[in-house]
Amino acid sequence: MAEETDTAPEDLGAPIAYLALPDGTAVYDRSGESVGEVAHVLADDQEDIFHGLILTTPRGHRFARPDQVDGLYERGVIVAVPAAELAEPNAEADEESLLKRAWNWLISPK
């Protein structure tokens, strides 16, 4: 994971679409603190709907809803909240929830 702090959006390159965001991209909160990295972009490619990001953090996997993602850039992502405030995907989530979809992705064979 990235060790940088105080990373401004202009240091992360040009804005990109979620379809172009590679796994392993560094993730920062608004203050520039490292949150972790992208494990997977949760989306419906057929319908062109961005559902959020599954992140790998020092405290395990977390899920960033679309409204918690401030920007997607060539060399990084900015989320609106610190990692501790992001939800943890889990098996007990409502079947139709994004947290459940994130959990299902995490437990599926790759």
Protein backbone atom coordinates (compact mmCIF):
# COMPACT_ATOMS: atom_id res chain seq x y z
CA MET A 1 0.00 0.00 0.00
CA ALA A 2 1.05 3.56 -0.57
CA GLU A 3 3.09 5.28 2.11
CA GLU A 4 2.49 8.82 0.87
CA THR A 5 0.49 11.36 2.83
CA ASP A 6 -0.85 14.79 1.94
CA THR A 7 -1.53 13.71 -1.63
CA ALA A 8 -3.42 16.33 -3.59
CA PRO A 9 -5.68 15.33 -6.49
CA GLU A 10 -3.40 17.13 -8.95
CA ASP A 11 -0.58 14.75 -7.89
CA LEU A 12 -2.75 11.75 -8.78
CA GLY A 13 -3.03 12.49 -12.49
CA ALA A 14 -6.06 13.06 -14.65
CA PRO A 15 -9.57 12.00 -13.62
CA ILE A 16 -10.61 8.60 -14.99
CA ALA A 17 -13.77 6.54 -15.29
CA TYR A 18 -14.42 3.65 -12.92
CA LEU A 19 -14.06 1.26 -15.87
CA ALA A 20 -10.40 2.28 -16.23
CA LEU A 21 -9.51 2.05 -12.53
CA PRO A 22 -7.11 -0.86 -11.95
CA ASP A 23 -7.06 -3.03 -8.85
CA GLY A 24 -4.17 -2.05 -6.59
CA THR A 25 -4.66 1.70 -7.07
CA ALA A 26 -3.77 3.69 -3.94
CA VAL A 27 -6.66 5.17 -1.94
CA TYR A 28 -6.47 8.33 0.19
CA ASP A 29 -8.93 10.20 2.38
CA ARG A 30 -9.60 13.92 1.92
CA SER A 31 -6.71 14.86 4.20
CA GLY A 32 -4.27 12.91 2.02
CA GLU A 33 -3.81 10.05 4.49
CA SER A 34 -3.40 6.61 2.97
CA VAL A 35 -6.53 4.46 3.39
CA GLY A 36 -5.37 1.40 1.45
CA GLU A 37 -5.78 0.26 -2.11
CA VAL A 38 -8.50 -0.80 -4.51
CA ALA A 39 -9.23 -4.53 -4.35
CA HIS A 40 -12.15 -4.41 -6.79
CA VAL A 41 -14.49 -2.00 -8.54
CA LEU A 42 -18.03 -3.13 -7.82
CA ALA A 43 -20.14 -2.24 -10.86
CA ASP A 44 -22.72 -3.45 -13.30
CA ASP A 45 -20.86 -3.13 -16.59
CA GLN A 46 -23.93 -4.09 -18.64
CA GLU A 47 -26.00 -1.26 -17.14
CA ASP A 48 -22.98 1.09 -16.70
CA ILE A 49 -23.67 1.55 -12.99
CA PHE A 50 -20.86 2.20 -10.50
CA HIS A 51 -21.76 0.59 -7.15
CA GLY A 52 -18.60 1.44 -5.21
CA LEU A 53 -15.14 0.17 -4.32
CA ILE A 54 -13.95 -2.77 -2.29
CA LEU A 55 -10.76 -1.65 -0.57
CA THR A 56 -7.92 -3.50 1.10
CA THR A 57 -6.98 -1.59 4.27
CA PRO A 58 -4.71 -2.35 7.24
CA ARG A 59 -7.92 -3.31 9.14
CA GLY A 60 -9.24 -5.65 6.45
CA HIS A 61 -11.59 -5.12 3.53
CA ARG A 62 -13.85 -2.09 3.51
CA PHE A 63 -16.54 -0.88 1.12
CA ALA A 64 -16.76 2.68 -0.18
CA ARG A 65 -20.23 3.53 -1.53
CA PRO A 66 -20.37 5.79 -4.61
CA ASP A 67 -21.30 8.79 -2.43
CA GLN A 68 -18.14 8.18 -0.38
CA VAL A 69 -15.84 8.36 -3.42
CA ASP A 70 -14.67 11.92 -4.11
CA GLY A 71 -12.53 11.20 -7.14
CA LEU A 72 -10.99 8.53 -9.34
CA TYR A 73 -7.62 9.44 -10.86
CA GLU A 74 -4.87 7.76 -12.86
CA ARG A 75 -2.68 7.20 -9.79
CA GLY A 76 -5.12 7.24 -6.90
CA VAL A 77 -8.60 7.46 -5.46
CA ILE A 78 -9.88 9.95 -2.90
CA VAL A 79 -12.62 8.89 -0.48
CA ALA A 80 -14.70 11.26 1.62
CA VAL A 81 -14.12 9.52 4.96
CA PRO A 82 -11.29 7.82 6.87
CA ALA A 83 -10.98 4.04 6.51
CA ALA A 84 -12.41 3.50 10.01
CA GLU A 85 -15.72 4.99 8.85
CA LEU A 86 -16.08 2.73 5.81
CA ALA A 87 -18.38 -0.28 6.13
CA GLU A 88 -17.03 -3.79 6.34
CA PRO A 89 -18.57 -6.23 3.83
CA ASN A 90 -20.32 -9.05 5.66
CA ALA A 91 -22.39 -12.16 5.15
CA GLU A 92 -25.22 -10.90 7.38
CA ALA A 93 -26.01 -7.88 5.20
CA ASP A 94 -29.39 -7.69 3.48
CA GLU A 95 -29.33 -9.85 0.34
CA GLU A 96 -29.97 -6.86 -1.96
CA SER A 97 -27.45 -4.54 -0.30
CA LEU A 98 -24.17 -3.42 -1.78
CA LEU A 99 -22.39 -4.73 1.33
CA LYS A 100 -23.71 -8.21 0.55
CA ARG A 101 -22.59 -7.89 -3.08
CA ALA A 102 -19.14 -6.85 -1.86
CA TRP A 103 -19.08 -9.83 0.50
CA ASN A 104 -20.11 -12.19 -2.28
CA TRP A 105 -17.25 -10.91 -4.45
CA LEU A 106 -14.77 -11.38 -1.59
CA ILE A 107 -15.75 -15.01 -0.98
CA SER A 108 -16.05 -16.04 -4.64
CA PRO A 109 -13.20 -18.01 -6.23
CA LYS A 110 -10.99 -15.73 -8.29
